[in-house]
Amino acid sequence: LGVANAVAAGLMLAASFGLIYEGVGYSLPRVLLGVLVGL
């Protein structure tokens, strides 16, 4: 279970930074604002 949760966390972290990378291509300030509001 612990390893499975670690895998899930890794997939989510990588996907998250993939979203940020994709969004930066449109607008860095809007992406950063979105990150803070999402947090």
PDB file of all heavy atoms in Angstrom:
ATOM      1  N   LEU A   1       0.833  -1.203   0.000  1.00  0.00           N
ATOM      2  CA  LEU A   1       0.000   0.000   0.000  1.00  0.00           C
ATOM      3  C   LEU A   1       0.871   1.257   0.000  1.00  0.00           C
ATOM      4  O   LEU A   1       0.576   2.237  -0.694  1.00  0.00           O
ATOM      5  CB  LEU A   1      -0.909   0.016   1.222  1.00  0.00           C
ATOM      6  CG  LEU A   1      -2.040  -1.030   1.269  1.00  0.00           C
ATOM      7  CD1 LEU A   1      -2.804  -0.905   2.573  1.00  0.00           C
ATOM      8  CD2 LEU A   1      -2.972  -0.852   0.088  1.00  0.00           C
ATOM      9  N   GLY A   2       1.942   1.224   0.789  1.00  0.00           N
ATOM     10  CA  GLY A   2       2.833   2.368   0.850  1.00  0.00           C
ATOM     11  C   GLY A   2       3.508   2.643  -0.482  1.00  0.00           C
ATOM     12  O   GLY A   2       3.579   3.790  -0.939  1.00  0.00           O
ATOM     13  N   VAL A   3       3.981   1.585  -1.107  1.00  0.00           N
ATOM     14  CA  VAL A   3       4.628   1.735  -2.418  1.00  0.00           C
ATOM     15  C   VAL A   3       3.620   2.202  -3.456  1.00  0.00           C
ATOM     16  O   VAL A   3       3.929   3.039  -4.308  1.00  0.00           O
ATOM     17  CB  VAL A   3       5.280   0.403  -2.843  1.00  0.00           C
ATOM     18  CG1 VAL A   3       5.786   0.487  -4.284  1.00  0.00           C
ATOM     19  CG2 VAL A   3       6.431   0.052  -1.905  1.00  0.00           C
ATOM     20  N   ALA A   4       2.387   1.667  -3.390  1.00  0.00           N
ATOM     21  CA  ALA A   4       1.343   2.075  -4.334  1.00  0.00           C
ATOM     22  C   ALA A   4       1.034   3.562  -4.188  1.00  0.00           C
ATOM     23  O   ALA A   4       0.888   4.286  -5.181  1.00  0.00           O
ATOM     24  CB  ALA A   4       0.075   1.257  -4.107  1.00  0.00           C
ATOM     25  N   ASN A   5       0.963   4.039  -2.951  1.00  0.00           N
ATOM     26  CA  ASN A   5       0.727   5.467  -2.728  1.00  0.00           C
ATOM     27  C   ASN A   5       1.885   6.307  -3.238  1.00  0.00           C
ATOM     28  O   ASN A   5       1.686   7.404  -3.766  1.00  0.00           O
ATOM     29  CB  ASN A   5       0.507   5.740  -1.236  1.00  0.00           C
ATOM     30  CG  ASN A   5      -0.935   5.546  -0.809  1.00  0.00           C
ATOM     31  OD1 ASN A   5      -1.856   5.958  -1.498  1.00  0.00           O
ATOM     32  ND2 ASN A   5      -1.145   4.907   0.330  1.00  0.00           N
ATOM     33  N   ALA A   6       3.103   5.798  -3.098  1.00  0.00           N
ATOM     34  CA  ALA A   6       4.272   6.516  -3.613  1.00  0.00           C
ATOM     35  C   ALA A   6       4.207   6.626  -5.134  1.00  0.00           C
ATOM     36  O   ALA A   6       4.539   7.670  -5.711  1.00  0.00           O
ATOM     37  CB  ALA A   6       5.556   5.810  -3.183  1.00  0.00           C
ATOM     38  N   VAL A   7       3.790   5.545  -5.785  1.00  0.00           N
ATOM     39  CA  VAL A   7       3.642   5.563  -7.239  1.00  0.00           C
ATOM     40  C   VAL A   7       2.570   6.578  -7.644  1.00  0.00           C
ATOM     41  O   VAL A   7       2.755   7.364  -8.584  1.00  0.00           O
ATOM     42  CB  VAL A   7       3.284   4.157  -7.770  1.00  0.00           C
ATOM     43  CG1 VAL A   7       2.906   4.222  -9.244  1.00  0.00           C
ATOM     44  CG2 VAL A   7       4.450   3.198  -7.565  1.00  0.00           C
ATOM     45  N   ALA A   8       1.438   6.568  -6.931  1.00  0.00           N
ATOM     46  CA  ALA A   8       0.364   7.519  -7.233  1.00  0.00           C
ATOM     47  C   ALA A   8       0.846   8.954  -7.061  1.00  0.00           C
ATOM     48  O   ALA A   8       0.561   9.819  -7.891  1.00  0.00           O
ATOM     49  CB  ALA A   8      -0.838   7.255  -6.322  1.00  0.00           C
ATOM     50  N   ALA A   9       1.588   9.213  -5.982  1.00  0.00           N
ATOM     51  CA  ALA A   9       2.116  10.556  -5.741  1.00  0.00           C
ATOM     52  C   ALA A   9       3.077  10.969  -6.850  1.00  0.00           C
ATOM     53  O   ALA A   9       3.052  12.112  -7.324  1.00  0.00           O
ATOM     54  CB  ALA A   9       2.815  10.615  -4.381  1.00  0.00           C
ATOM     55  N   GLY A  10       3.915  10.033  -7.286  1.00  0.00           N
ATOM     56  CA  GLY A  10       4.861  10.336  -8.358  1.00  0.00           C
ATOM     57  C   GLY A  10       4.166  10.662  -9.664  1.00  0.00           C
ATOM     58  O   GLY A  10       4.543  11.612 -10.363  1.00  0.00           O
ATOM     59  N   LEU A  11       3.137   9.893  -9.993  1.00  0.00           N
ATOM     60  CA  LEU A  11       2.383  10.147 -11.224  1.00  0.00           C
ATOM     61  C   LEU A  11       1.715  11.518 -11.171  1.00  0.00           C
ATOM     62  O   LEU A  11       1.698  12.264 -12.150  1.00  0.00           O
ATOM     63  CB  LEU A  11       1.322   9.057 -11.427  1.00  0.00           C
ATOM     64  CG  LEU A  11       1.834   7.638 -11.721  1.00  0.00           C
ATOM     65  CD1 LEU A  11       0.663   6.654 -11.753  1.00  0.00           C
ATOM     66  CD2 LEU A  11       2.589   7.598 -13.043  1.00  0.00           C
ATOM     67  N   MET A  12       1.167  11.857 -10.006  1.00  0.00           N
ATOM     68  CA  MET A  12       0.476  13.136  -9.871  1.00  0.00           C
ATOM     69  C   MET A  12       1.449  14.315  -9.924  1.00  0.00           C
ATOM     70  O   MET A  12       1.160  15.345 -10.531  1.00  0.00           O
ATOM     71  CB  MET A  12      -0.317  13.160  -8.569  1.00  0.00           C
ATOM     72  CG  MET A  12      -1.516  12.227  -8.554  1.00  0.00           C
ATOM     73  SD  MET A  12      -2.405  12.264  -6.979  1.00  0.00           S
ATOM     74  CE  MET A  12      -2.996  13.959  -6.978  1.00  0.00           C
ATOM     75  N   LEU A  13       2.611  14.161  -9.287  1.00  0.00           N
ATOM     76  CA  LEU A  13       3.603  15.238  -9.313  1.00  0.00           C
ATOM     77  C   LEU A  13       4.094  15.494 -10.735  1.00  0.00           C
ATOM     78  O   LEU A  13       4.201  16.641 -11.179  1.00  0.00           O
ATOM     79  CB  LEU A  13       4.775  14.892  -8.391  1.00  0.00           C
ATOM     80  CG  LEU A  13       4.508  14.996  -6.890  1.00  0.00           C
ATOM     81  CD1 LEU A  13       5.691  14.457  -6.099  1.00  0.00           C
ATOM     82  CD2 LEU A  13       4.209  16.436  -6.494  1.00  0.00           C
ATOM     83  N   ALA A  14       4.414  14.415 -11.441  1.00  0.00           N
ATOM     84  CA  ALA A  14       4.888  14.572 -12.816  1.00  0.00           C
ATOM     85  C   ALA A  14       3.809  15.182 -13.702  1.00  0.00           C
ATOM     86  O   ALA A  14       4.093  16.053 -14.534  1.00  0.00           O
ATOM     87  CB  ALA A  14       5.331  13.212 -13.371  1.00  0.00           C
ATOM     88  N   ALA A  15       2.558  14.731 -13.522  1.00  0.00           N
ATOM     89  CA  ALA A  15       1.456  15.291 -14.305  1.00  0.00           C
ATOM     90  C   ALA A  15       1.265  16.776 -13.993  1.00  0.00           C
ATOM     91  O   ALA A  15       0.992  17.581 -14.885  1.00  0.00           O
ATOM     92  CB  ALA A  15       0.169  14.520 -14.017  1.00  0.00           C
ATOM     93  N   SER A  16       1.443  17.140 -12.717  1.00  0.00           N
ATOM     94  CA  SER A  16       1.268  18.537 -12.308  1.00  0.00           C
ATOM     95  C   SER A  16       2.284  19.446 -12.991  1.00  0.00           C
ATOM     96  O   SER A  16       1.933  20.507 -13.529  1.00  0.00           O
ATOM     97  CB  SER A  16       1.403  18.666 -10.789  1.00  0.00           C
ATOM     98  OG  SER A  16       0.409  17.914 -10.133  1.00  0.00           O
ATOM     99  N   PHE A  17       3.542  19.033 -12.972  1.00  0.00           N
ATOM    100  CA  PHE A  17       4.563  19.864 -13.604  1.00  0.00           C
ATOM    101  C   PHE A  17       4.425  19.851 -15.127  1.00  0.00           C
ATOM    102  O   PHE A  17       4.814  20.810 -15.800  1.00  0.00           O
ATOM    103  CB  PHE A  17       5.953  19.408 -13.168  1.00  0.00           C
ATOM    104  CG  PHE A  17       6.282  19.809 -11.760  1.00  0.00           C
ATOM    105  CD1 PHE A  17       6.266  18.886 -10.739  1.00  0.00           C
ATOM    106  CD2 PHE A  17       6.558  21.132 -11.454  1.00  0.00           C
ATOM    107  CE1 PHE A  17       6.535  19.258  -9.427  1.00  0.00           C
ATOM    108  CE2 PHE A  17       6.835  21.524 -10.157  1.00  0.00           C
ATOM    109  CZ  PHE A  17       6.831  20.577  -9.130  1.00  0.00           C
ATOM    110  N   GLY A  18       3.825  18.778 -15.657  1.00  0.00           N
ATOM    111  CA  GLY A  18       3.515  18.759 -17.078  1.00  0.00           C
ATOM    112  C   GLY A  18       2.457  19.803 -17.421  1.00  0.00           C
ATOM    113  O   GLY A  18       2.544  20.485 -18.451  1.00  0.00           O
ATOM    114  N   LEU A  19       1.454  19.952 -16.523  1.00  0.00           N
ATOM    115  CA  LEU A  19       0.426  20.968 -16.722  1.00  0.00           C
ATOM    116  C   LEU A  19       1.022  22.374 -16.674  1.00  0.00           C
ATOM    117  O   LEU A  19       0.674  23.243 -17.469  1.00  0.00           O
ATOM    118  CB  LEU A  19      -0.659  20.837 -15.641  1.00  0.00           C
ATOM    119  CG  LEU A  19      -1.534  19.577 -15.684  1.00  0.00           C
ATOM    120  CD1 LEU A  19      -2.454  19.543 -14.479  1.00  0.00           C
ATOM    121  CD2 LEU A  19      -2.341  19.509 -16.972  1.00  0.00           C
ATOM    122  N   ILE A  20       1.934  22.587 -15.721  1.00  0.00           N
ATOM    123  CA  ILE A  20       2.577  23.901 -15.607  1.00  0.00           C
ATOM    124  C   ILE A  20       3.383  24.203 -16.862  1.00  0.00           C
ATOM    125  O   ILE A  20       3.322  25.314 -17.411  1.00  0.00           O
ATOM    126  CB  ILE A  20       3.479  23.944 -14.356  1.00  0.00           C
ATOM    127  CG1 ILE A  20       2.619  23.883 -13.090  1.00  0.00           C
ATOM    128  CG2 ILE A  20       4.345  25.208 -14.357  1.00  0.00           C
ATOM    129  CD1 ILE A  20       3.415  23.780 -11.811  1.00  0.00           C
ATOM    130  N   TYR A  21       4.121  23.205 -17.322  1.00  0.00           N
ATOM    131  CA  TYR A  21       4.940  23.395 -18.526  1.00  0.00           C
ATOM    132  C   TYR A  21       4.067  23.739 -19.734  1.00  0.00           C
ATOM    133  O   TYR A  21       4.394  24.628 -20.529  1.00  0.00           O
ATOM    134  CB  TYR A  21       5.737  22.119 -18.798  1.00  0.00           C
ATOM    135  CG  TYR A  21       6.595  22.192 -20.035  1.00  0.00           C
ATOM    136  CD1 TYR A  21       7.816  22.860 -20.024  1.00  0.00           C
ATOM    137  CD2 TYR A  21       6.177  21.590 -21.221  1.00  0.00           C
ATOM    138  CE1 TYR A  21       8.605  22.926 -21.161  1.00  0.00           C
ATOM    139  CE2 TYR A  21       6.956  21.658 -22.370  1.00  0.00           C
ATOM    140  CZ  TYR A  21       8.172  22.321 -22.326  1.00  0.00           C
ATOM    141  OH  TYR A  21       8.935  22.389 -23.462  1.00  0.00           O
ATOM    142  N   GLU A  22       2.931  23.037 -19.840  1.00  0.00           N
ATOM    143  CA  GLU A  22       2.014  23.303 -20.952  1.00  0.00           C
ATOM    144  C   GLU A  22       1.412  24.700 -20.847  1.00  0.00           C
ATOM    145  O   GLU A  22       1.293  25.423 -21.840  1.00  0.00           O
ATOM    146  CB  GLU A  22       0.895  22.263 -20.962  1.00  0.00           C
ATOM    147  CG  GLU A  22      -0.101  22.420 -22.101  1.00  0.00           C
ATOM    148  CD  GLU A  22      -1.210  21.385 -22.052  1.00  0.00           C
ATOM    149  OE1 GLU A  22      -1.091  20.405 -21.293  1.00  0.00           O
ATOM    150  OE2 GLU A  22      -2.203  21.577 -22.775  1.00  0.00           O
ATOM    151  N   GLY A  23       1.056  25.109 -19.623  1.00  0.00           N
ATOM    152  CA  GLY A  23       0.436  26.404 -19.439  1.00  0.00           C
ATOM    153  C   GLY A  23       1.376  27.570 -19.670  1.00  0.00           C
ATOM    154  O   GLY A  23       0.956  28.633 -20.139  1.00  0.00           O
ATOM    155  N   VAL A  24       2.669  27.380 -19.363  1.00  0.00           N
ATOM    156  CA  VAL A  24       3.651  28.449 -19.545  1.00  0.00           C
ATOM    157  C   VAL A  24       3.722  28.875 -21.008  1.00  0.00           C
ATOM    158  O   VAL A  24       3.993  30.032 -21.321  1.00  0.00           O
ATOM    159  CB  VAL A  24       5.041  28.003 -19.037  1.00  0.00           C
ATOM    160  CG1 VAL A  24       6.145  28.933 -19.513  1.00  0.00           C
ATOM    161  CG2 VAL A  24       5.035  27.936 -17.514  1.00  0.00           C
ATOM    162  N   GLY A  25       3.442  27.933 -21.921  1.00  0.00           N
ATOM    163  CA  GLY A  25       3.453  28.262 -23.342  1.00  0.00           C
ATOM    164  C   GLY A  25       2.385  29.276 -23.716  1.00  0.00           C
ATOM    165  O   GLY A  25       2.484  29.933 -24.757  1.00  0.00           O
ATOM    166  N   TYR A  26       1.358  29.407 -22.849  1.00  0.00           N
ATOM    167  CA  TYR A  26       0.301  30.383 -23.098  1.00  0.00           C
ATOM    168  C   TYR A  26       0.562  31.682 -22.329  1.00  0.00           C
ATOM    169  O   TYR A  26       0.523  32.764 -22.903  1.00  0.00           O
ATOM    170  CB  TYR A  26      -1.058  29.819 -22.666  1.00  0.00           C
ATOM    171  CG  TYR A  26      -1.561  28.698 -23.539  1.00  0.00           C
ATOM    172  CD1 TYR A  26      -1.285  27.366 -23.232  1.00  0.00           C
ATOM    173  CD2 TYR A  26      -2.335  28.958 -24.667  1.00  0.00           C
ATOM    174  CE1 TYR A  26      -1.764  26.330 -24.024  1.00  0.00           C
ATOM    175  CE2 TYR A  26      -2.820  27.925 -25.464  1.00  0.00           C
ATOM    176  CZ  TYR A  26      -2.519  26.612 -25.136  1.00  0.00           C
ATOM    177  OH  TYR A  26      -2.984  25.583 -25.922  1.00  0.00           O
ATOM    178  N   SER A  27       0.830  31.546 -21.017  1.00  0.00           N
ATOM    179  CA  SER A  27       1.049  32.738 -20.189  1.00  0.00           C
ATOM    180  C   SER A  27       1.638  32.332 -18.844  1.00  0.00           C
ATOM    181  O   SER A  27       0.952  31.660 -18.053  1.00  0.00           O
ATOM    182  CB  SER A  27      -0.262  33.500 -19.987  1.00  0.00           C
ATOM    183  OG  SER A  27      -0.100  34.518 -19.019  1.00  0.00           O
ATOM    184  N   LEU A  28       2.869  32.737 -18.566  1.00  0.00           N
ATOM    185  CA  LEU A  28       3.505  32.421 -17.288  1.00  0.00           C
ATOM    186  C   LEU A  28       2.772  33.064 -16.108  1.00  0.00           C
ATOM    187  O   LEU A  28       2.496  32.372 -15.109  1.00  0.00           O
ATOM    188  CB  LEU A  28       4.972  32.857 -17.308  1.00  0.00           C
ATOM    189  CG  LEU A  28       5.735  32.686 -15.990  1.00  0.00           C
ATOM    190  CD1 LEU A  28       5.746  31.225 -15.564  1.00  0.00           C
ATOM    191  CD2 LEU A  28       7.164  33.228 -16.126  1.00  0.00           C
ATOM    192  N   PRO A  29       2.443  34.356 -16.156  1.00  0.00           N
ATOM    193  CA  PRO A  29       1.746  34.958 -15.003  1.00  0.00           C
ATOM    194  C   PRO A  29       0.415  34.280 -14.679  1.00  0.00           C
ATOM    195  O   PRO A  29       0.092  34.067 -13.502  1.00  0.00           O
ATOM    196  CB  PRO A  29       1.524  36.416 -15.442  1.00  0.00           C
ATOM    197  CG  PRO A  29       2.585  36.673 -16.454  1.00  0.00           C
ATOM    198  CD  PRO A  29       2.744  35.373 -17.183  1.00  0.00           C
ATOM    199  N   ARG A  30      -0.357  33.905 -15.711  1.00  0.00           N
ATOM    200  CA  ARG A  30      -1.656  33.267 -15.461  1.00  0.00           C
ATOM    201  C   ARG A  30      -1.472  31.870 -14.867  1.00  0.00           C
ATOM    202  O   ARG A  30      -2.268  31.435 -14.026  1.00  0.00           O
ATOM    203  CB  ARG A  30      -2.462  33.192 -16.750  1.00  0.00           C
ATOM    204  CG  ARG A  30      -2.966  34.550 -17.220  1.00  0.00           C
ATOM    205  CD  ARG A  30      -3.613  34.472 -18.571  1.00  0.00           C
ATOM    206  NE  ARG A  30      -3.924  35.800 -19.093  1.00  0.00           N
ATOM    207  CZ  ARG A  30      -4.227  36.056 -20.345  1.00  0.00           C
ATOM    208  NH1 ARG A  30      -4.266  35.064 -21.221  1.00  0.00           N
ATOM    209  NH2 ARG A  30      -4.491  37.289 -20.738  1.00  0.00           N
ATOM    210  N   VAL A  31      -0.435  31.171 -15.311  1.00  0.00           N
ATOM    211  CA  VAL A  31      -0.169  29.847 -14.747  1.00  0.00           C
ATOM    212  C   VAL A  31       0.195  29.966 -13.269  1.00  0.00           C
ATOM    213  O   VAL A  31      -0.326  29.222 -12.426  1.00  0.00           O
ATOM    214  CB  VAL A  31       0.974  29.139 -15.511  1.00  0.00           C
ATOM    215  CG1 VAL A  31       1.405  27.873 -14.766  1.00  0.00           C
ATOM    216  CG2 VAL A  31       0.524  28.776 -16.907  1.00  0.00           C
ATOM    217  N   LEU A  32       1.103  30.878 -12.938  1.00  0.00           N
ATOM    218  CA  LEU A  32       1.524  31.051 -11.548  1.00  0.00           C
ATOM    219  C   LEU A  32       0.369  31.495 -10.669  1.00  0.00           C
ATOM    220  O   LEU A  32       0.230  31.037  -9.522  1.00  0.00           O
ATOM    221  CB  LEU A  32       2.667  32.063 -11.479  1.00  0.00           C
ATOM    222  CG  LEU A  32       3.967  31.644 -12.176  1.00  0.00           C
ATOM    223  CD1 LEU A  32       5.017  32.738 -12.032  1.00  0.00           C
ATOM    224  CD2 LEU A  32       4.480  30.327 -11.620  1.00  0.00           C
ATOM    225  N   LEU A  33      -0.491  32.383 -11.193  1.00  0.00           N
ATOM    226  CA  LEU A  33      -1.683  32.791 -10.446  1.00  0.00           C
ATOM    227  C   LEU A  33      -2.587  31.590 -10.207  1.00  0.00           C
ATOM    228  O   LEU A  33      -3.122  31.401  -9.104  1.00  0.00           O
ATOM    229  CB  LEU A  33      -2.436  33.873 -11.211  1.00  0.00           C
ATOM    230  CG  LEU A  33      -3.764  34.343 -10.583  1.00  0.00           C
ATOM    231  CD1 LEU A  33      -3.523  34.947  -9.211  1.00  0.00           C
ATOM    232  CD2 LEU A  33      -4.460  35.344 -11.502  1.00  0.00           C
ATOM    233  N   GLY A  34      -2.748  30.757 -11.238  1.00  0.00           N
ATOM    234  CA  GLY A  34      -3.568  29.558 -11.096  1.00  0.00           C
ATOM    235  C   GLY A  34      -3.017  28.606 -10.053  1.00  0.00           C
ATOM    236  O   GLY A  34      -3.772  28.020  -9.261  1.00  0.00           O
ATOM    237  N   VAL A  35      -1.686  28.440 -10.009  1.00  0.00           N
ATOM    238  CA  VAL A  35      -1.052  27.561  -9.026  1.00  0.00           C
ATOM    239  C   VAL A  35      -1.371  28.039  -7.612  1.00  0.00           C
ATOM    240  O   VAL A  35      -1.738  27.246  -6.727  1.00  0.00           O
ATOM    241  CB  VAL A  35       0.472  27.510  -9.238  1.00  0.00           C
ATOM    242  CG1 VAL A  35       1.151  26.810  -8.059  1.00  0.00           C
ATOM    243  CG2 VAL A  35       0.805  26.772 -10.525  1.00  0.00           C
ATOM    244  N   LEU A  36      -1.239  29.334  -7.367  1.00  0.00           N
ATOM    245  CA  LEU A  36      -1.489  29.889  -6.036  1.00  0.00           C
ATOM    246  C   LEU A  36      -2.960  29.774  -5.638  1.00  0.00           C
ATOM    247  O   LEU A  36      -3.277  29.433  -4.495  1.00  0.00           O
ATOM    248  CB  LEU A  36      -1.043  31.348  -5.986  1.00  0.00           C
ATOM    249  CG  LEU A  36       0.468  31.584  -6.159  1.00  0.00           C
ATOM    250  CD1 LEU A  36       0.781  33.076  -6.158  1.00  0.00           C
ATOM    251  CD2 LEU A  36       1.260  30.875  -5.061  1.00  0.00           C
ATOM    252  N   VAL A  37      -3.856  30.044  -6.593  1.00  0.00           N
ATOM    253  CA  VAL A  37      -5.284  29.920  -6.295  1.00  0.00           C
ATOM    254  C   VAL A  37      -5.651  28.453  -6.060  1.00  0.00           C
ATOM    255  O   VAL A  37      -6.441  28.127  -5.169  1.00  0.00           O
ATOM    256  CB  VAL A  37      -6.133  30.515  -7.444  1.00  0.00           C
ATOM    257  CG1 VAL A  37      -7.611  30.263  -7.197  1.00  0.00           C
ATOM    258  CG2 VAL A  37      -5.874  32.006  -7.574  1.00  0.00           C
ATOM    259  N   GLY A  38      -5.064  27.547  -6.859  1.00  0.00           N
ATOM    260  CA  GLY A  38      -5.302  26.118  -6.664  1.00  0.00           C
ATOM    261  C   GLY A  38      -4.815  25.650  -5.308  1.00  0.00           C
ATOM    262  O   GLY A  38      -5.463  24.832  -4.639  1.00  0.00           O
ATOM    263  N   LEU A  39      -3.656  26.159  -4.869  1.00  0.00           N
ATOM    264  CA  LEU A  39      -3.130  25.826  -3.548  1.00  0.00           C
ATOM    265  C   LEU A  39      -4.081  26.297  -2.454  1.00  0.00           C
ATOM    266  O   LEU A  39      -4.409  25.542  -1.526  1.00  0.00           O
ATOM    267  CB  LEU A  39      -1.757  26.478  -3.366  1.00  0.00           C
ATOM    268  CG  LEU A  39      -1.152  26.407  -1.961  1.00  0.00           C
ATOM    269  CD1 LEU A  39      -0.930  24.963  -1.547  1.00  0.00           C
ATOM    270  CD2 LEU A  39       0.150  27.199  -1.906  1.00  0.00           C
TER     271      LEU A  39
END
